[in-house]
Amino acid sequence: MPQFAVYRNENSRTKSLFPFLVDVQPDLFTDLQTRVVIPLTKAVALTKFPLTYLTPTLTFEGETYMLMTPQLAGIARADLGTHAGSVAEQWRAILAAVDFLMSGF
């Protein structure tokens, strides 16, 4: 379960809005039974700086998604859906968004 792996959202209540979950938990904690994830949603045009910095757009499977950092959550490893790929090459934007959520700057 590498950091920045993308999983299909299997939750029937939320998968239409958030089709994918990005695992942001460092590999150091692979033995834990939970993972910290951030959902992806189809990108919309948001232009205000703080919001775009908090919810950056990421490209996955040729589509543009918005990282919904304020929706960061813990999930049981058993509840992760099918592994769908990785967004590891976009790590800077993801970590900047998490840092902005936690620190406010």
N, C-alpha and C. Protein backbone atom coordinates (compact mmCIF):
# COMPACT_ATOMS: atom_id res chain seq x y z
N MET A 1 0.84 -1.18 0.00
CA MET A 1 0.00 0.00 0.00
C MET A 1 0.88 1.24 0.00
N PRO A 2 1.41 1.56 -1.13
CA PRO A 2 2.32 2.72 -1.19
C PRO A 2 1.59 4.05 -1.07
N GLN A 3 2.30 5.02 -0.53
CA GLN A 3 1.75 6.37 -0.43
C GLN A 3 1.42 6.86 -1.83
N PHE A 4 0.31 7.55 -1.95
CA PHE A 4 -0.22 8.14 -3.19
C PHE A 4 -0.82 7.11 -4.14
N ALA A 5 -1.07 5.90 -3.64
CA ALA A 5 -1.82 4.92 -4.42
C ALA A 5 -3.26 5.39 -4.52
N VAL A 6 -3.90 5.07 -5.62
CA VAL A 6 -5.30 5.44 -5.85
C VAL A 6 -6.14 4.17 -5.82
N TYR A 7 -7.27 4.24 -5.11
CA TYR A 7 -8.18 3.11 -4.99
C TYR A 7 -9.57 3.53 -5.44
N ARG A 8 -10.29 2.61 -6.01
CA ARG A 8 -11.69 2.88 -6.38
C ARG A 8 -12.51 2.94 -5.09
N ASN A 9 -13.38 3.92 -5.02
CA ASN A 9 -14.26 4.06 -3.86
C ASN A 9 -15.39 3.05 -3.99
N GLU A 10 -15.47 2.13 -3.05
CA GLU A 10 -16.50 1.09 -3.08
C GLU A 10 -17.74 1.45 -2.25
N ASN A 11 -17.72 2.60 -1.59
CA ASN A 11 -18.86 3.00 -0.75
C ASN A 11 -20.02 3.42 -1.65
N SER A 12 -21.12 2.71 -1.57
CA SER A 12 -22.26 2.96 -2.46
C SER A 12 -22.87 4.35 -2.26
N ARG A 13 -22.71 4.93 -1.07
CA ARG A 13 -23.28 6.26 -0.82
C ARG A 13 -22.44 7.39 -1.39
N THR A 14 -21.14 7.17 -1.56
CA THR A 14 -20.27 8.28 -1.95
C THR A 14 -19.52 8.09 -3.26
N LYS A 15 -19.55 6.89 -3.84
CA LYS A 15 -18.70 6.63 -4.99
C LYS A 15 -19.09 7.40 -6.25
N SER A 16 -20.33 7.84 -6.37
CA SER A 16 -20.68 8.62 -7.56
C SER A 16 -20.06 10.02 -7.50
N LEU A 17 -19.97 10.59 -6.33
CA LEU A 17 -19.35 11.92 -6.16
C LEU A 17 -17.84 11.82 -6.04
N PHE A 18 -17.37 10.80 -5.35
CA PHE A 18 -15.94 10.59 -5.11
C PHE A 18 -15.54 9.21 -5.64
N PRO A 19 -15.26 9.09 -6.92
CA PRO A 19 -14.99 7.76 -7.49
C PRO A 19 -13.67 7.13 -7.06
N PHE A 20 -12.72 7.96 -6.60
CA PHE A 20 -11.41 7.44 -6.21
C PHE A 20 -10.98 8.01 -4.86
N LEU A 21 -10.11 7.26 -4.18
CA LEU A 21 -9.50 7.68 -2.91
C LEU A 21 -7.99 7.62 -3.07
N VAL A 22 -7.31 8.68 -2.63
CA VAL A 22 -5.84 8.72 -2.68
C VAL A 22 -5.32 8.41 -1.28
N ASP A 23 -4.48 7.41 -1.18
CA ASP A 23 -3.84 7.04 0.08
C ASP A 23 -2.67 8.00 0.31
N VAL A 24 -2.76 8.82 1.36
CA VAL A 24 -1.70 9.80 1.64
C VAL A 24 -0.84 9.40 2.83
N GLN A 25 -1.10 8.24 3.38
CA GLN A 25 -0.35 7.78 4.55
C GLN A 25 1.05 7.32 4.14
N PRO A 26 2.08 7.74 4.86
CA PRO A 26 3.44 7.31 4.51
C PRO A 26 3.62 5.80 4.62
N ASP A 27 4.52 5.27 3.81
CA ASP A 27 4.80 3.84 3.81
C ASP A 27 5.32 3.35 5.16
N LEU A 28 5.84 4.25 5.96
CA LEU A 28 6.34 3.90 7.30
C LEU A 28 5.27 3.19 8.13
N PHE A 29 4.00 3.50 7.88
CA PHE A 29 2.91 2.97 8.70
C PHE A 29 2.12 1.87 8.00
N THR A 30 2.78 1.05 7.21
CA THR A 30 2.07 0.00 6.47
C THR A 30 1.47 -1.09 7.37
N ASP A 31 1.97 -1.23 8.58
CA ASP A 31 1.45 -2.26 9.47
C ASP A 31 0.14 -1.88 10.15
N LEU A 32 -0.25 -0.61 10.09
CA LEU A 32 -1.51 -0.19 10.68
C LEU A 32 -2.68 -0.77 9.89
N GLN A 33 -3.78 -0.99 10.55
CA GLN A 33 -4.97 -1.54 9.88
C GLN A 33 -5.85 -0.44 9.28
N THR A 34 -5.40 0.79 9.36
CA THR A 34 -6.13 1.91 8.78
C THR A 34 -5.22 2.66 7.82
N ARG A 35 -5.84 3.41 6.91
CA ARG A 35 -5.11 4.25 5.96
C ARG A 35 -5.77 5.63 5.97
N VAL A 36 -4.97 6.65 5.76
CA VAL A 36 -5.49 8.02 5.64
C VAL A 36 -5.66 8.29 4.16
N VAL A 37 -6.87 8.67 3.77
CA VAL A 37 -7.18 8.87 2.36
C VAL A 37 -7.83 10.23 2.13
N ILE A 38 -7.72 10.69 0.89
CA ILE A 38 -8.40 11.91 0.46
C ILE A 38 -9.16 11.55 -0.82
N PRO A 39 -10.45 11.87 -0.88
CA PRO A 39 -11.21 11.53 -2.09
C PRO A 39 -10.89 12.46 -3.26
N LEU A 40 -11.07 11.91 -4.45
CA LEU A 40 -10.98 12.69 -5.68
C LEU A 40 -12.39 12.85 -6.24
N THR A 41 -12.68 14.04 -6.76
CA THR A 41 -13.94 14.29 -7.45
C THR A 41 -13.64 14.93 -8.78
N LYS A 42 -14.59 14.85 -9.71
CA LYS A 42 -14.38 15.50 -11.01
C LYS A 42 -14.10 16.97 -10.78
N ALA A 43 -13.11 17.49 -11.47
CA ALA A 43 -12.67 18.87 -11.28
C ALA A 43 -13.74 19.86 -11.73
N VAL A 44 -13.85 20.93 -10.97
CA VAL A 44 -14.68 22.07 -11.33
C VAL A 44 -13.79 23.30 -11.32
N ALA A 45 -14.24 24.34 -11.96
CA ALA A 45 -13.43 25.56 -12.05
C ALA A 45 -13.54 26.36 -10.77
N LEU A 46 -12.49 26.35 -9.98
CA LEU A 46 -12.41 27.19 -8.79
C LEU A 46 -11.17 28.05 -8.95
N THR A 47 -11.31 29.34 -8.72
CA THR A 47 -10.20 30.23 -9.02
C THR A 47 -9.65 30.97 -7.82
N LYS A 48 -10.29 30.90 -6.70
CA LYS A 48 -9.78 31.62 -5.52
C LYS A 48 -8.57 30.88 -4.97
N PHE A 49 -7.50 31.61 -4.72
CA PHE A 49 -6.21 31.01 -4.35
C PHE A 49 -6.28 30.03 -3.19
N PRO A 50 -6.82 30.40 -2.03
CA PRO A 50 -6.79 29.44 -0.92
C PRO A 50 -7.53 28.15 -1.24
N LEU A 51 -8.62 28.24 -1.93
CA LEU A 51 -9.38 27.04 -2.22
C LEU A 51 -8.65 26.17 -3.25
N THR A 52 -8.06 26.75 -4.26
CA THR A 52 -7.35 25.94 -5.24
C THR A 52 -6.07 25.36 -4.65
N TYR A 53 -5.48 26.04 -3.71
CA TYR A 53 -4.28 25.52 -3.06
C TYR A 53 -4.65 24.36 -2.14
N LEU A 54 -5.82 24.46 -1.51
CA LEU A 54 -6.30 23.41 -0.61
C LEU A 54 -6.84 22.21 -1.38
N THR A 55 -7.41 22.46 -2.54
CA THR A 55 -8.02 21.40 -3.34
C THR A 55 -7.43 21.43 -4.76
N PRO A 56 -6.16 21.04 -4.89
CA PRO A 56 -5.52 21.11 -6.21
C PRO A 56 -6.13 20.12 -7.20
N THR A 57 -5.96 20.42 -8.46
CA THR A 57 -6.39 19.47 -9.49
C THR A 57 -5.26 18.49 -9.76
N LEU A 58 -5.65 17.24 -9.93
CA LEU A 58 -4.72 16.16 -10.24
C LEU A 58 -5.20 15.46 -11.50
N THR A 59 -4.27 14.93 -12.24
CA THR A 59 -4.61 14.15 -13.43
C THR A 59 -4.47 12.68 -13.09
N PHE A 60 -5.52 11.93 -13.41
CA PHE A 60 -5.51 10.49 -13.19
C PHE A 60 -6.30 9.82 -14.29
N GLU A 61 -5.72 8.81 -14.90
CA GLU A 61 -6.35 8.09 -16.01
C GLU A 61 -6.82 9.02 -17.12
N GLY A 62 -6.03 10.07 -17.38
CA GLY A 62 -6.34 11.00 -18.45
C GLY A 62 -7.45 11.99 -18.14
N GLU A 63 -7.96 11.97 -16.92
CA GLU A 63 -9.03 12.87 -16.49
C GLU A 63 -8.50 13.82 -15.43
N THR A 64 -9.17 14.96 -15.28
CA THR A 64 -8.80 15.92 -14.26
C THR A 64 -9.75 15.79 -13.07
N TYR A 65 -9.16 15.65 -11.90
CA TYR A 65 -9.92 15.51 -10.65
C TYR A 65 -9.46 16.56 -9.66
N MET A 66 -10.31 16.84 -8.71
CA MET A 66 -9.97 17.74 -7.63
C MET A 66 -9.72 16.91 -6.37
N LEU A 67 -8.59 17.17 -5.72
CA LEU A 67 -8.26 16.51 -4.47
C LEU A 67 -9.04 17.21 -3.35
N MET A 68 -9.97 16.52 -2.75
CA MET A 68 -10.84 17.11 -1.73
C MET A 68 -10.20 17.00 -0.34
N THR A 69 -9.12 17.73 -0.17
CA THR A 69 -8.32 17.68 1.05
C THR A 69 -9.14 17.89 2.32
N PRO A 70 -10.14 18.80 2.35
CA PRO A 70 -10.93 18.95 3.58
C PRO A 70 -11.72 17.69 3.95
N GLN A 71 -11.82 16.74 3.01
CA GLN A 71 -12.54 15.49 3.27
C GLN A 71 -11.59 14.37 3.73
N LEU A 72 -10.36 14.72 4.08
CA LEU A 72 -9.37 13.76 4.56
C LEU A 72 -9.99 12.89 5.65
N ALA A 73 -9.76 11.59 5.57
CA ALA A 73 -10.38 10.68 6.54
C ALA A 73 -9.54 9.42 6.71
N GLY A 74 -9.79 8.73 7.81
CA GLY A 74 -9.21 7.42 8.03
C GLY A 74 -10.18 6.36 7.56
N ILE A 75 -9.65 5.28 7.00
CA ILE A 75 -10.48 4.19 6.51
C ILE A 75 -9.77 2.88 6.84
N ALA A 76 -10.54 1.87 7.15
CA ALA A 76 -9.95 0.55 7.40
C ALA A 76 -9.35 0.02 6.10
N ARG A 77 -8.19 -0.60 6.21
CA ARG A 77 -7.56 -1.18 5.02
C ARG A 77 -8.50 -2.13 4.30
N ALA A 78 -9.29 -2.85 5.06
CA ALA A 78 -10.23 -3.81 4.48
C ALA A 78 -11.31 -3.12 3.65
N ASP A 79 -11.56 -1.85 3.90
CA ASP A 79 -12.60 -1.12 3.18
C ASP A 79 -12.08 -0.40 1.94
N LEU A 80 -10.77 -0.46 1.70
CA LEU A 80 -10.25 0.14 0.48
C LEU A 80 -10.73 -0.68 -0.71
N GLY A 81 -11.06 0.02 -1.76
CA GLY A 81 -11.49 -0.66 -2.98
C GLY A 81 -10.32 -1.20 -3.76
N THR A 82 -10.56 -1.50 -4.99
CA THR A 82 -9.56 -2.03 -5.90
C THR A 82 -8.48 -0.99 -6.19
N HIS A 83 -7.24 -1.42 -6.18
CA HIS A 83 -6.13 -0.54 -6.53
C HIS A 83 -6.30 -0.13 -7.99
N ALA A 84 -6.24 1.19 -8.25
CA ALA A 84 -6.49 1.69 -9.60
C ALA A 84 -5.28 2.36 -10.23
N GLY A 85 -4.25 2.64 -9.44
CA GLY A 85 -3.08 3.30 -9.99
C GLY A 85 -2.38 4.15 -8.94
N SER A 86 -1.71 5.20 -9.41
CA SER A 86 -0.94 6.05 -8.52
C SER A 86 -0.93 7.49 -9.04
N VAL A 87 -0.81 8.41 -8.10
CA VAL A 87 -0.60 9.82 -8.44
C VAL A 87 0.69 10.31 -7.78
N ALA A 88 1.63 9.39 -7.57
CA ALA A 88 2.87 9.71 -6.87
C ALA A 88 3.65 10.82 -7.54
N GLU A 89 3.56 10.95 -8.85
CA GLU A 89 4.30 12.01 -9.54
C GLU A 89 3.76 13.41 -9.22
N GLN A 90 2.59 13.47 -8.58
CA GLN A 90 1.98 14.74 -8.21
C GLN A 90 2.07 14.99 -6.70
N TRP A 91 3.05 14.36 -6.07
CA TRP A 91 3.18 14.38 -4.61
C TRP A 91 3.33 15.79 -4.04
N ARG A 92 3.99 16.68 -4.74
CA ARG A 92 4.21 18.02 -4.19
C ARG A 92 2.89 18.74 -3.96
N ALA A 93 1.99 18.70 -4.92
CA ALA A 93 0.69 19.36 -4.78
C ALA A 93 -0.14 18.72 -3.67
N ILE A 94 -0.05 17.40 -3.55
CA ILE A 94 -0.82 16.69 -2.52
C ILE A 94 -0.32 17.05 -1.14
N LEU A 95 0.98 16.98 -0.92
CA LEU A 95 1.53 17.30 0.40
C LEU A 95 1.36 18.78 0.74
N ALA A 96 1.45 19.66 -0.25
CA ALA A 96 1.22 21.09 0.00
C ALA A 96 -0.22 21.32 0.45
N ALA A 97 -1.17 20.61 -0.14
CA ALA A 97 -2.57 20.75 0.25
C ALA A 97 -2.81 20.24 1.67
N VAL A 98 -2.21 19.10 2.01
CA VAL A 98 -2.35 18.56 3.37
C VAL A 98 -1.71 19.51 4.38
N ASP A 99 -0.54 20.01 4.06
CA ASP A 99 0.13 20.96 4.93
C ASP A 99 -0.70 22.22 5.12
N PHE A 100 -1.28 22.72 4.04
CA PHE A 100 -2.13 23.92 4.11
C PHE A 100 -3.35 23.65 4.98
N LEU A 101 -3.94 22.47 4.87
CA LEU A 101 -5.09 22.11 5.70
C LEU A 101 -4.72 22.10 7.17
N MET A 102 -3.55 21.59 7.49
CA MET A 102 -3.13 21.47 8.90
C MET A 102 -2.59 22.75 9.48
N SER A 103 -1.89 23.54 8.68
CA SER A 103 -1.22 24.73 9.22
C SER A 103 -1.89 26.04 8.85
N GLY A 104 -2.64 26.07 7.76
CA GLY A 104 -3.30 27.30 7.33
C GLY A 104 -2.41 28.21 6.52
N PHE A 105 -1.21 27.77 6.23
CA PHE A 105 -0.32 28.57 5.37
C PHE A 105 0.69 27.67 4.70
